[in-house]
Amino acid sequence: MSLNVIILAAGQGARMCSSLPKVLHPLAGKPLLEHVAATAKCLKANIHIVYGYGGNTVPARLSHIKANWIEQIEQLGTGHAVAQAMPSVKDDEKVLVLYGDVPLISAATLQRLLKAADNALGLLTMHQTNPTGYGRIMRDEQNRVLRIVEEKDASPAERQVTEINTGILAVDAGRLRTWVNALENKNAQGEFYLTDIIAMAVRDGVTINTVSPDSALEVMGVNNKAQLAELERHYQRAQAQQLMLQGVTLCDPARFDLRGELTVGSDVFIDANVIIEGKVTLGNRVRLGPNVWIRNARIGDDVEIFSNCVIDDAAIEAGCKIGPFARIRPETQLAEHVHIGNFVEVKKSTVGVNSKINHLSYVGDTSVGKNVN
């Protein structure tokens, strides 16, 4: 059975206080929506993205994502958004619904959810100490799911329930099509809630199997800049942990940002406030001083980059020493054992083996095979 992932990404995100559509705000250098699409790609699914606010801004910015882009001209709720994508899905296929502002959902959690959705409706839920703002899961005395009540429609007693709906679900497309076509908007928001299909599934005798994520942060949505910052730090801490397990020494894991892909050799040392962007390779025994920024670069073995240097789209061979306060600009190649002094800027140049460029120098559009004062 083919899998179709419908990613809902049409909202404005008013609480972000920005003209930029919410799903385009960056997490670790990539738009929120791009993280979700990457996870969906891991599932080998057909991806459908429902966009709305900002018009073509979202698909234009993320045109490199292979997906079926569907515009929701009027934002009339999650159920209405899913309905926009259903004409592109066949009844004998499976549908997984994700959200463009929930960037850290893991493929492992989604695989468990899909397994729970075999001949059933799989629903991702979890218990929250403070469930404010979330729809609540209503169960019967046999612990079977009955329905979901959105907070604005919940009674005081229902608001005491701590099991919340994450919004993520999986079910056969034919059933989903029937349910979303039957949705009504008789609620406090005047919207077509996707959550109302749970009661329909119960009515139709469909089993509802619930699964919980490994971490609450997996299902945390971004509604404001504070939440975005919280997820950023969690994501960066996880990347730092992975690098340290590979043998990298991070002077302060809490002050390290990786906004791309980093390949490392052995015995790499990274000081505080280093930022890595794009695709970067660090060879063996590379040492990065504090406040170094590197983007799209290849750094050879035994290179030492001192504090406050900028390395942008450059190739640096083994044994070089750079900085402090040096700037290596795009299309620069440093051969082995080059020494770049403090406050030196090199642009679009090739610097030969054992060359030395002393402090307060500028080198551009040239080849250097000797010392420069």
Protein backbone atom coordinates (compact mmCIF):
# COMPACT_ATOMS: atom_id res chain seq x y z
CA MET A 1 0.00 0.00 0.00
CA SER A 2 1.45 3.34 -1.06
CA LEU A 3 2.02 5.94 1.62
CA ASN A 4 1.00 9.56 1.14
CA VAL A 5 2.14 12.23 3.57
CA ILE A 6 0.00 15.35 3.72
CA ILE A 7 1.86 18.22 5.37
CA LEU A 8 -0.33 21.09 6.51
CA ALA A 9 1.58 24.34 6.03
CA ALA A 10 -1.02 26.99 5.21
CA GLY A 11 -1.18 29.03 8.43
CA GLN A 12 0.07 32.54 8.91
CA GLY A 13 1.53 32.15 12.38
CA ALA A 14 0.33 35.53 13.69
CA ARG A 15 2.06 35.01 17.03
CA MET A 16 5.42 34.93 15.26
CA CYS A 17 4.88 38.70 14.70
CA SER A 18 6.43 38.44 11.25
CA SER A 19 5.39 38.88 7.63
CA LEU A 20 7.23 35.63 6.84
CA PRO A 21 4.96 32.55 6.71
CA LYS A 22 5.52 30.56 9.88
CA VAL A 23 6.77 27.41 8.16
CA LEU A 24 9.63 29.37 6.55
CA HIS A 25 11.16 30.47 9.84
CA PRO A 26 14.53 28.73 10.22
CA LEU A 27 15.54 26.01 12.62
CA ALA A 28 19.27 25.20 12.43
CA GLY A 29 19.45 27.16 9.18
CA LYS A 30 16.60 25.35 7.40
CA PRO A 31 12.91 26.34 7.22
CA LEU A 32 10.66 24.46 9.63
CA LEU A 33 8.77 22.90 6.74
CA GLU A 34 11.97 21.57 5.19
CA HIS A 35 12.69 19.54 8.33
CA VAL A 36 9.25 17.93 8.14
CA ALA A 37 9.59 17.20 4.42
CA ALA A 38 12.99 15.57 5.01
CA THR A 39 11.46 13.24 7.59
CA ALA A 40 8.60 12.39 5.23
CA LYS A 41 11.14 11.59 2.53
CA CYS A 42 12.76 9.05 4.88
CA LEU A 43 9.45 7.18 4.86
CA LYS A 44 9.61 6.85 1.05
CA ALA A 45 6.22 8.51 0.74
CA ASN A 46 4.45 10.65 -1.82
CA ILE A 47 4.53 14.12 -0.28
CA HIS A 48 1.66 16.60 -0.58
CA ILE A 49 2.12 20.06 0.94
CA VAL A 50 -0.90 22.27 1.57
CA TYR A 51 0.14 25.92 1.63
CA GLY A 52 -1.86 29.13 1.90
CA TYR A 53 -0.68 32.23 3.72
CA GLY A 54 1.84 34.16 1.68
CA GLY A 55 0.61 32.75 -1.62
CA ASN A 56 3.43 31.25 -3.66
CA THR A 57 6.11 32.39 -1.22
CA VAL A 58 6.38 28.98 0.42
CA PRO A 59 6.59 26.76 -2.70
CA ALA A 60 8.89 29.27 -4.40
CA ARG A 61 11.30 29.28 -1.47
CA LEU A 62 11.24 25.48 -1.19
CA SER A 63 11.02 24.56 -4.86
CA HIS A 64 13.82 22.02 -4.38
CA ILE A 65 11.49 19.83 -2.30
CA LYS A 66 9.91 17.14 -4.46
CA ALA A 67 6.24 17.43 -3.54
CA ASN A 68 2.74 18.01 -4.82
CA TRP A 69 2.04 21.61 -3.82
CA ILE A 70 -1.62 22.42 -3.15
CA GLU A 71 -2.90 25.90 -2.34
CA GLN A 72 -5.55 26.32 0.34
CA ILE A 73 -6.93 29.66 -0.77
CA GLU A 74 -9.16 30.04 2.29
CA GLN A 75 -7.83 28.74 5.62
CA LEU A 76 -10.96 27.09 7.02
CA GLY A 77 -9.36 24.62 9.42
CA THR A 78 -7.26 21.46 9.44
CA GLY A 79 -10.04 19.27 8.08
CA HIS A 80 -10.55 21.62 5.17
CA ALA A 81 -6.80 21.66 4.52
CA VAL A 82 -6.60 17.86 4.34
CA ALA A 83 -9.59 17.84 1.99
CA GLN A 84 -7.64 19.99 -0.49
CA ALA A 85 -5.05 17.21 -0.88
CA MET A 86 -7.40 14.22 -1.08
CA PRO A 87 -8.09 14.47 -4.86
CA SER A 88 -4.41 13.55 -5.34
CA VAL A 89 -4.69 10.38 -3.23
CA LYS A 90 -6.24 7.04 -4.19
CA ASP A 91 -8.68 5.25 -1.88
CA ASP A 92 -6.49 2.13 -1.55
CA GLU A 93 -3.52 4.13 -0.24
CA LYS A 94 -2.48 5.16 3.27
CA VAL A 95 -2.40 8.77 4.47
CA LEU A 96 -0.18 10.23 7.20
CA VAL A 97 -0.99 13.79 8.29
CA LEU A 98 1.91 15.96 9.49
CA TYR A 99 2.34 19.66 10.26
CA GLY A 100 4.83 22.09 8.78
CA ASP A 101 5.40 23.80 12.14
CA VAL A 102 6.24 20.57 14.04
CA PRO A 103 9.82 20.12 12.81
CA LEU A 104 11.32 17.54 15.16
CA ILE A 105 8.96 14.63 14.66
CA SER A 106 11.13 11.55 14.11
CA ALA A 107 10.87 8.88 11.45
CA ALA A 108 11.07 6.20 14.16
CA THR A 109 7.96 7.55 15.90
CA LEU A 110 6.10 7.80 12.60
CA GLN A 111 7.01 4.23 11.66
CA ARG A 112 5.48 3.02 14.93
CA LEU A 113 2.38 5.09 14.20
CA LEU A 114 2.05 3.62 10.72
CA LYS A 115 2.31 0.11 12.14
CA ALA A 116 -0.47 0.98 14.59
CA ALA A 117 -2.59 2.14 11.65
CA ASP A 118 -2.77 -1.30 10.02
CA ASN A 119 -6.52 -1.86 9.52
CA ALA A 120 -7.08 0.93 12.06
CA LEU A 121 -6.66 4.63 12.65
CA GLY A 122 -3.30 5.43 14.22
CA LEU A 123 -3.32 8.49 16.46
CA LEU A 124 -0.28 10.12 18.07
CA THR A 125 -1.09 11.28 21.60
CA MET A 126 0.81 12.03 24.78
CA HIS A 127 0.28 13.10 28.37
CA GLN A 128 1.16 16.68 29.30
CA THR A 129 1.48 18.03 32.83
CA ASN A 130 0.12 21.31 31.47
CA PRO A 131 -2.19 20.48 28.55
CA THR A 132 -3.35 24.08 28.01
CA GLY A 133 -3.94 24.85 24.35
CA TYR A 134 -4.28 21.27 23.18
CA GLY A 135 -7.25 19.14 22.22
CA ARG A 136 -8.04 16.49 24.85
CA ILE A 137 -8.41 12.75 24.24
CA MET A 138 -11.70 11.42 25.61
CA ARG A 139 -11.77 7.71 26.50
CA ASP A 140 -14.45 5.34 27.82
CA GLU A 141 -14.26 3.04 30.85
CA GLN A 142 -12.48 0.41 28.76
CA ASN A 143 -9.83 3.02 27.83
CA ARG A 144 -10.98 3.18 24.23
CA VAL A 145 -10.71 6.52 22.44
CA LEU A 146 -14.13 8.10 21.92
CA ARG A 147 -13.41 11.56 20.51
CA ILE A 148 -11.17 14.62 20.69
CA VAL A 149 -12.41 17.84 22.25
CA GLU A 150 -10.67 21.07 21.31
CA GLU A 151 -9.88 23.24 24.32
CA LYS A 152 -12.15 26.10 23.28
CA ASP A 153 -15.05 23.65 23.08
CA ALA A 154 -14.15 21.67 26.22
CA SER A 155 -16.05 21.70 29.50
CA PRO A 156 -14.17 22.40 32.76
CA ALA A 157 -14.10 18.65 33.48
CA GLU A 158 -12.78 17.82 30.01
CA ARG A 159 -10.01 20.39 30.41
CA GLN A 160 -8.69 18.38 33.36
CA VAL A 161 -7.74 15.54 31.01
CA THR A 162 -3.97 15.43 30.51
CA GLU A 163 -3.80 13.21 27.41
CA ILE A 164 -3.54 15.54 24.45
CA ASN A 165 -3.89 15.27 20.68
CA THR A 166 -0.74 16.02 18.68
CA GLY A 167 -2.74 16.26 15.44
CA ILE A 168 -0.63 13.59 13.76
CA LEU A 169 -2.56 10.57 12.50
CA ALA A 170 -2.50 7.81 9.90
CA VAL A 171 -5.41 6.01 8.26
CA ASP A 172 -6.59 4.48 4.98
CA ALA A 173 -7.30 7.15 2.37
CA GLY A 174 -10.77 5.90 1.47
CA ARG A 175 -12.02 6.21 5.03
CA LEU A 176 -10.32 9.58 5.47
CA ARG A 177 -11.95 10.94 2.32
CA THR A 178 -15.42 9.95 3.55
CA TRP A 179 -14.89 11.54 6.94
CA VAL A 180 -13.38 14.86 5.82
CA ASN A 181 -16.18 15.28 3.29
CA ALA A 182 -18.69 14.94 6.15
CA LEU A 183 -17.06 17.50 8.47
CA GLU A 184 -19.07 20.44 9.79
CA ASN A 185 -17.88 23.72 11.27
CA LYS A 186 -20.31 23.97 14.19
CA ASN A 187 -17.74 24.85 16.85
CA ALA A 188 -16.28 27.85 18.67
CA GLN A 189 -13.80 28.54 15.87
CA GLY A 190 -16.20 28.08 12.99
CA GLU A 191 -13.64 25.76 11.37
CA PHE A 192 -13.62 22.25 9.93
CA TYR A 193 -11.65 20.31 12.56
CA LEU A 194 -9.72 17.25 11.41
CA THR A 195 -10.05 16.02 14.99
CA ASP A 196 -13.79 15.46 14.45
CA ILE A 197 -13.01 12.40 12.32
CA ILE A 198 -12.12 10.49 15.49
CA ALA A 199 -15.75 10.40 16.61
CA MET A 200 -16.72 9.39 13.06
CA ALA A 201 -14.24 6.51 13.17
CA VAL A 202 -15.71 5.33 16.49
CA ARG A 203 -19.19 5.53 15.00
CA ASP A 204 -18.08 3.43 12.02
CA GLY A 205 -16.48 0.79 14.23
CA VAL A 206 -12.90 1.58 13.22
CA THR A 207 -10.29 0.70 15.84
CA ILE A 208 -8.24 3.65 17.10
CA ASN A 209 -4.74 2.75 18.19
CA THR A 210 -2.71 5.38 20.00
CA VAL A 211 1.07 5.77 20.00
CA SER A 212 3.22 8.19 22.01
CA PRO A 213 6.46 9.88 20.88
CA ASP A 214 9.74 9.25 22.68
CA SER A 215 10.05 12.94 23.56
CA ALA A 216 7.57 15.76 24.05
CA LEU A 217 9.80 17.99 21.91
CA GLU A 218 9.10 15.75 18.91
CA VAL A 219 5.53 17.00 18.78
CA MET A 220 6.09 20.55 19.96
CA GLY A 221 4.72 23.03 17.45
CA VAL A 222 6.20 26.46 16.87
CA ASN A 223 3.74 29.26 17.57
CA ASN A 224 6.08 32.06 18.66
CA LYS A 225 9.75 33.01 18.71
CA ALA A 226 10.23 31.71 22.26
CA GLN A 227 9.14 28.21 21.23
CA LEU A 228 11.32 28.42 18.13
CA ALA A 229 14.34 29.26 20.31
CA GLU A 230 13.53 26.36 22.65
CA LEU A 231 13.48 23.88 19.77
CA GLU A 232 16.64 25.40 18.31
CA ARG A 233 18.59 24.79 21.49
CA HIS A 234 17.25 21.26 21.81
CA TYR A 235 18.18 20.50 18.21
CA GLN A 236 21.65 21.99 18.58
CA ARG A 237 22.27 20.11 21.82
CA ALA A 238 21.35 16.85 20.09
CA GLN A 239 23.77 17.60 17.24
CA ALA A 240 26.51 18.48 19.71
CA GLN A 241 25.91 15.21 21.56
CA GLN A 242 26.25 13.25 18.33
CA LEU A 243 29.52 14.99 17.46
CA MET A 244 30.97 14.34 20.91
CA LEU A 245 30.09 10.65 20.55
CA GLN A 246 32.14 10.73 17.32
CA GLY A 247 35.12 11.99 19.32
CA VAL A 248 34.89 15.75 18.79
CA THR A 249 35.88 17.89 21.76
CA LEU A 250 33.40 20.74 22.22
CA CYS A 251 34.59 23.32 24.71
CA ASP A 252 30.98 24.22 25.54
CA PRO A 253 28.24 22.13 23.81
CA ALA A 254 25.65 24.76 24.73
CA ARG A 255 27.50 27.37 22.65
CA PHE A 256 27.87 25.52 19.35
CA ASP A 257 25.62 25.82 16.29
CA LEU A 258 25.54 23.45 13.33
CA ARG A 259 23.33 24.75 10.52
CA GLY A 260 24.14 22.24 7.84
CA GLU A 261 26.23 19.09 7.41
CA LEU A 262 29.53 18.53 9.21
CA THR A 263 31.98 15.71 8.50
CA VAL A 264 34.82 15.35 11.01
CA GLY A 265 38.08 13.50 11.39
CA SER A 266 39.65 12.41 14.66
CA ASP A 267 40.79 14.61 17.56
CA VAL A 268 38.93 17.71 16.40
CA PHE A 269 38.67 20.55 18.93
CA ILE A 270 35.96 23.22 18.69
CA ASP A 271 35.94 26.18 21.06
CA ALA A 272 32.90 28.19 22.18
CA ASN A 273 30.53 30.10 19.86
CA VAL A 274 31.60 28.38 16.66
CA ILE A 275 28.99 28.38 13.87
CA ILE A 276 29.05 25.86 11.01
CA GLU A 277 26.83 26.38 7.95
CA GLY A 278 26.31 24.49 4.71
CA LYS A 279 28.59 21.52 3.98
CA VAL A 280 31.82 21.55 5.95
CA THR A 281 34.57 18.95 6.32
CA LEU A 282 37.12 19.10 9.14
CA GLY A 283 40.19 16.87 8.86
CA ASN A 284 42.11 15.17 11.65
CA ARG A 285 43.36 17.29 14.55
CA VAL A 286 41.68 20.49 13.33
CA ARG A 287 41.38 23.16 16.02
CA LEU A 288 38.79 25.94 15.81
CA GLY A 289 39.12 28.92 18.14
CA PRO A 290 36.22 30.82 19.70
CA ASN A 291 33.77 32.79 17.54
CA VAL A 292 34.80 31.14 14.27
CA TRP A 293 32.23 31.03 11.43
CA ILE A 294 32.65 28.51 8.61
CA ARG A 295 30.41 27.89 5.60
CA ASN A 296 30.83 25.42 2.73
CA ALA A 297 34.49 24.69 3.30
CA ARG A 298 36.96 21.83 3.34
CA ILE A 299 39.56 22.06 6.10
CA GLY A 300 42.55 19.72 5.94
CA ASP A 301 44.45 17.87 8.68
CA ASP A 302 46.26 19.80 11.43
CA VAL A 303 44.76 23.17 10.48
CA GLU A 304 44.39 25.69 13.27
CA ILE A 305 41.92 28.54 12.89
CA PHE A 306 42.29 31.11 15.62
CA SER A 307 39.55 33.22 17.15
CA ASN A 308 37.06 35.40 15.25
CA CYS A 309 37.83 34.14 11.76
CA VAL A 310 35.40 33.82 8.83
CA ILE A 311 35.88 31.00 6.32
CA ASP A 312 33.43 31.07 3.40
CA ASP A 313 33.38 28.63 0.46
CA ALA A 314 37.09 27.88 0.59
CA ALA A 315 39.52 24.94 0.52
CA ILE A 316 42.27 24.92 3.14
CA GLU A 317 44.93 22.22 2.95
CA ALA A 318 46.83 20.54 5.77
CA GLY A 319 48.91 22.40 8.31
CA CYS A 320 47.61 25.92 7.68
CA LYS A 321 47.29 28.50 10.44
CA ILE A 322 44.73 31.27 10.08
CA GLY A 323 44.01 34.39 12.09
CA PRO A 324 42.97 35.63 14.49
CA PHE A 325 40.44 38.01 12.89
CA ALA A 326 41.11 36.74 9.35
CA ARG A 327 38.58 36.42 6.54
CA ILE A 328 38.90 33.79 3.82
CA ARG A 329 36.34 34.60 1.15
CA PRO A 330 34.81 32.43 -1.63
CA GLU A 331 36.93 30.67 -4.25
CA THR A 332 40.05 30.83 -2.14
CA GLN A 333 42.45 27.88 -2.00
CA LEU A 334 45.23 27.68 0.54
CA ALA A 335 47.93 25.10 -0.14
CA GLU A 336 49.67 23.20 2.65
CA HIS A 337 51.30 25.06 5.55
CA VAL A 338 50.08 28.53 4.61
CA HIS A 339 50.07 31.09 7.41
CA ILE A 340 47.42 33.81 7.25
CA GLY A 341 48.06 36.56 9.79
CA ASN A 342 45.60 38.58 11.86
CA PHE A 343 43.23 41.01 10.07
CA VAL A 344 44.07 39.49 6.67
CA GLU A 345 41.41 39.15 3.97
CA VAL A 346 41.86 36.76 1.04
CA LYS A 347 39.38 36.60 -1.83
CA LYS A 348 39.24 34.40 -4.93
CA SER A 349 42.92 33.58 -4.75
CA THR A 350 45.26 30.59 -4.72
CA VAL A 351 48.00 30.74 -2.10
CA GLY A 352 51.00 28.43 -2.59
CA VAL A 353 52.73 26.02 -0.22
CA ASN A 354 54.47 27.56 2.82
CA SER A 355 53.34 31.08 1.91
CA LYS A 356 52.84 33.65 4.64
CA ILE A 357 50.53 36.63 4.47
CA ASN A 358 51.20 38.98 7.33
CA HIS A 359 48.72 41.07 9.26
CA LEU A 360 46.52 43.87 7.85
CA SER A 361 46.75 42.62 4.25
CA TYR A 362 44.24 42.16 1.43
CA VAL A 363 44.76 39.62 -1.36
CA GLY A 364 42.19 39.26 -4.15
CA ASP A 365 41.85 37.62 -7.56
CA THR A 366 45.43 36.42 -7.73
CA SER A 367 47.94 33.67 -7.03
CA VAL A 368 50.42 34.04 -4.21
CA GLY A 369 53.57 32.00 -3.89
CA LYS A 370 55.61 34.17 -1.58
CA ASN A 371 55.33 36.17 1.59
CA VAL A 372 53.06 39.20 1.62
CA ASN A 373 53.60 41.94 4.19
